[in-house]
Amino acid sequence: FALIIQPKLLSLTLTNHPSNKTHSTTKTTPWTWPWT
């Protein structure tokens, strides 16, 4: 489940905020960790 959410969120953030890639990744990392 988490494996599907992680790439999906990363892809969404990359497409939505390509400039804020680093910021988005850092924010999604802790959010997806508990799911795993």
PDB file of N, CA and C in Angstrom:
ATOM      1  N   PHE A   1       0.836  -1.210   0.000  1.00  0.00           N
ATOM      2  CA  PHE A   1       0.000   0.000   0.000  1.00  0.00           C
ATOM      3  C   PHE A   1       0.869   1.259   0.000  1.00  0.00           C
ATOM      4  N   ALA A   2       1.818   1.282   0.924  1.00  0.00           N
ATOM      5  CA  ALA A   2       2.723   2.439   1.029  1.00  0.00           C
ATOM      6  C   ALA A   2       3.569   2.578  -0.230  1.00  0.00           C
ATOM      7  N   LEU A   3       3.920   1.445  -0.816  1.00  0.00           N
ATOM      8  CA  LEU A   3       4.746   1.459  -2.028  1.00  0.00           C
ATOM      9  C   LEU A   3       4.017   2.140  -3.184  1.00  0.00           C
ATOM     10  N   ILE A   4       2.696   2.031  -3.180  1.00  0.00           N
ATOM     11  CA  ILE A   4       1.905   2.647  -4.255  1.00  0.00           C
ATOM     12  C   ILE A   4       1.695   4.136  -3.976  1.00  0.00           C
ATOM     13  N   ILE A   5       1.548   4.479  -2.689  1.00  0.00           N
ATOM     14  CA  ILE A   5       1.318   5.883  -2.316  1.00  0.00           C
ATOM     15  C   ILE A   5       2.579   6.712  -2.518  1.00  0.00           C
ATOM     16  N   GLN A   6       3.716   6.169  -2.118  1.00  0.00           N
ATOM     17  CA  GLN A   6       4.976   6.906  -2.224  1.00  0.00           C
ATOM     18  C   GLN A   6       5.262   7.382  -3.649  1.00  0.00           C
ATOM     19  N   PRO A   7       5.316   6.494  -4.636  1.00  0.00           N
ATOM     20  CA  PRO A   7       5.603   6.912  -6.015  1.00  0.00           C
ATOM     21  C   PRO A   7       4.511   7.819  -6.575  1.00  0.00           C
ATOM     22  N   LYS A   8       3.267   7.586  -6.151  1.00  0.00           N
ATOM     23  CA  LYS A   8       2.155   8.381  -6.646  1.00  0.00           C
ATOM     24  C   LYS A   8       2.265   9.816  -6.132  1.00  0.00           C
ATOM     25  N   LEU A   9       2.588   9.964  -4.845  1.00  0.00           N
ATOM     26  CA  LEU A   9       2.739  11.290  -4.252  1.00  0.00           C
ATOM     27  C   LEU A   9       3.938  12.006  -4.840  1.00  0.00           C
ATOM     28  N   LEU A  10       5.029  11.266  -5.007  1.00  0.00           N
ATOM     29  CA  LEU A  10       6.242  11.854  -5.565  1.00  0.00           C
ATOM     30  C   LEU A  10       6.010  12.311  -6.996  1.00  0.00           C
ATOM     31  N   SER A  11       5.291  11.513  -7.750  1.00  0.00           N
ATOM     32  CA  SER A  11       5.007  11.865  -9.140  1.00  0.00           C
ATOM     33  C   SER A  11       4.092  13.079  -9.216  1.00  0.00           C
ATOM     34  N   LEU A  12       3.120  13.120  -8.309  1.00  0.00           N
ATOM     35  CA  LEU A  12       2.184  14.237  -8.277  1.00  0.00           C
ATOM     36  C   LEU A  12       2.892  15.526  -7.903  1.00  0.00           C
ATOM     37  N   THR A  13       3.757  15.439  -6.893  1.00  0.00           N
ATOM     38  CA  THR A  13       4.484  16.622  -6.433  1.00  0.00           C
ATOM     39  C   THR A  13       5.480  17.084  -7.489  1.00  0.00           C
ATOM     40  N   LEU A  14       6.094  16.136  -8.179  1.00  0.00           N
ATOM     41  CA  LEU A  14       7.061  16.474  -9.215  1.00  0.00           C
ATOM     42  C   LEU A  14       6.381  17.169 -10.393  1.00  0.00           C
ATOM     43  N   THR A  15       5.179  16.729 -10.708  1.00  0.00           N
ATOM     44  CA  THR A  15       4.448  17.324 -11.823  1.00  0.00           C
ATOM     45  C   THR A  15       3.814  18.651 -11.408  1.00  0.00           C
ATOM     46  N   ASN A  16       3.381  18.717 -10.146  1.00  0.00           N
ATOM     47  CA  ASN A  16       2.742  19.931  -9.656  1.00  0.00           C
ATOM     48  C   ASN A  16       3.760  21.003  -9.300  1.00  0.00           C
ATOM     49  N   HIS A  17       4.832  20.577  -8.630  1.00  0.00           N
ATOM     50  CA  HIS A  17       5.862  21.525  -8.213  1.00  0.00           C
ATOM     51  C   HIS A  17       7.252  21.014  -8.589  1.00  0.00           C
ATOM     52  N   PRO A  18       7.624  21.108  -9.851  1.00  0.00           N
ATOM     53  CA  PRO A  18       8.944  20.644 -10.293  1.00  0.00           C
ATOM     54  C   PRO A  18      10.072  21.463  -9.681  1.00  0.00           C
ATOM     55  N   SER A  19       9.783  22.725  -9.392  1.00  0.00           N
ATOM     56  CA  SER A  19      10.795  23.601  -8.805  1.00  0.00           C
ATOM     57  C   SER A  19      10.975  23.285  -7.327  1.00  0.00           C
ATOM     58  N   ASN A  20       9.863  22.932  -6.673  1.00  0.00           N
ATOM     59  CA  ASN A  20       9.910  22.624  -5.249  1.00  0.00           C
ATOM     60  C   ASN A  20      10.059  21.120  -5.024  1.00  0.00           C
ATOM     61  N   LYS A  21      10.823  20.474  -5.896  1.00  0.00           N
ATOM     62  CA  LYS A  21      11.006  19.031  -5.805  1.00  0.00           C
ATOM     63  C   LYS A  21      11.588  18.637  -4.458  1.00  0.00           C
ATOM     64  N   THR A  22      12.666  19.329  -4.049  1.00  0.00           N
ATOM     65  CA  THR A  22      13.331  19.009  -2.795  1.00  0.00           C
ATOM     66  C   THR A  22      12.393  19.239  -1.619  1.00  0.00           C
ATOM     67  N   HIS A  23      11.681  20.343  -1.649  1.00  0.00           N
ATOM     68  CA  HIS A  23      10.774  20.681  -0.552  1.00  0.00           C
ATOM     69  C   HIS A  23       9.629  19.668  -0.458  1.00  0.00           C
ATOM     70  N   SER A  24       9.109  19.278  -1.611  1.00  0.00           N
ATOM     71  CA  SER A  24       7.998  18.336  -1.642  1.00  0.00           C
ATOM     72  C   SER A  24       8.438  16.952  -1.170  1.00  0.00           C
ATOM     73  N   THR A  25       9.618  16.531  -1.616  1.00  0.00           N
ATOM     74  CA  THR A  25      10.126  15.216  -1.247  1.00  0.00           C
ATOM     75  C   THR A  25      10.347  15.131   0.258  1.00  0.00           C
ATOM     76  N   THR A  26      10.897  16.191   0.846  1.00  0.00           N
ATOM     77  CA  THR A  26      11.159  16.203   2.280  1.00  0.00           C
ATOM     78  C   THR A  26       9.853  16.152   3.060  1.00  0.00           C
ATOM     79  N   LYS A  27       8.827  16.784   2.520  1.00  0.00           N
ATOM     80  CA  LYS A  27       7.538  16.805   3.204  1.00  0.00           C
ATOM     81  C   LYS A  27       6.797  15.478   3.051  1.00  0.00           C
ATOM     82  N   THR A  28       6.998  14.809   1.922  1.00  0.00           N
ATOM     83  CA  THR A  28       6.312  13.542   1.688  1.00  0.00           C
ATOM     84  C   THR A  28       7.029  12.377   2.371  1.00  0.00           C
ATOM     85  N   THR A  29       8.333  12.498   2.561  1.00  0.00           N
ATOM     86  CA  THR A  29       9.100  11.416   3.176  1.00  0.00           C
ATOM     87  C   THR A  29       8.552  11.039   4.556  1.00  0.00           C
ATOM     88  N   PRO A  30       8.429  11.982   5.496  1.00  0.00           N
ATOM     89  CA  PRO A  30       7.917  11.642   6.828  1.00  0.00           C
ATOM     90  C   PRO A  30       6.445  11.232   6.794  1.00  0.00           C
ATOM     91  N   TRP A  31       5.736  11.718   5.787  1.00  0.00           N
ATOM     92  CA  TRP A  31       4.313  11.403   5.686  1.00  0.00           C
ATOM     93  C   TRP A  31       4.086   9.955   5.236  1.00  0.00           C
ATOM     94  N   THR A  32       4.987   9.447   4.395  1.00  0.00           N
ATOM     95  CA  THR A  32       4.845   8.084   3.888  1.00  0.00           C
ATOM     96  C   THR A  32       5.537   7.068   4.794  1.00  0.00           C
ATOM     97  N   TRP A  33       6.474   7.519   5.595  1.00  0.00           N
ATOM     98  CA  TRP A  33       7.190   6.608   6.494  1.00  0.00           C
ATOM     99  C   TRP A  33       6.246   5.845   7.426  1.00  0.00           C
ATOM    100  N   PRO A  34       5.367   6.532   8.141  1.00  0.00           N
ATOM    101  CA  PRO A  34       4.453   5.819   9.062  1.00  0.00           C
ATOM    102  C   PRO A  34       3.561   4.807   8.352  1.00  0.00           C
ATOM    103  N   TRP A  35       3.283   5.058   7.073  1.00  0.00           N
ATOM    104  CA  TRP A  35       2.453   4.130   6.316  1.00  0.00           C
ATOM    105  C   TRP A  35       3.160   2.798   6.104  1.00  0.00           C
ATOM    106  N   THR A  36       4.474   2.855   5.983  1.00  0.00           N
ATOM    107  CA  THR A  36       5.237   1.644   5.749  1.00  0.00           C
ATOM    108  C   THR A  36       5.244   0.803   7.023  1.00  0.00           C
TER     109      THR A  36
END
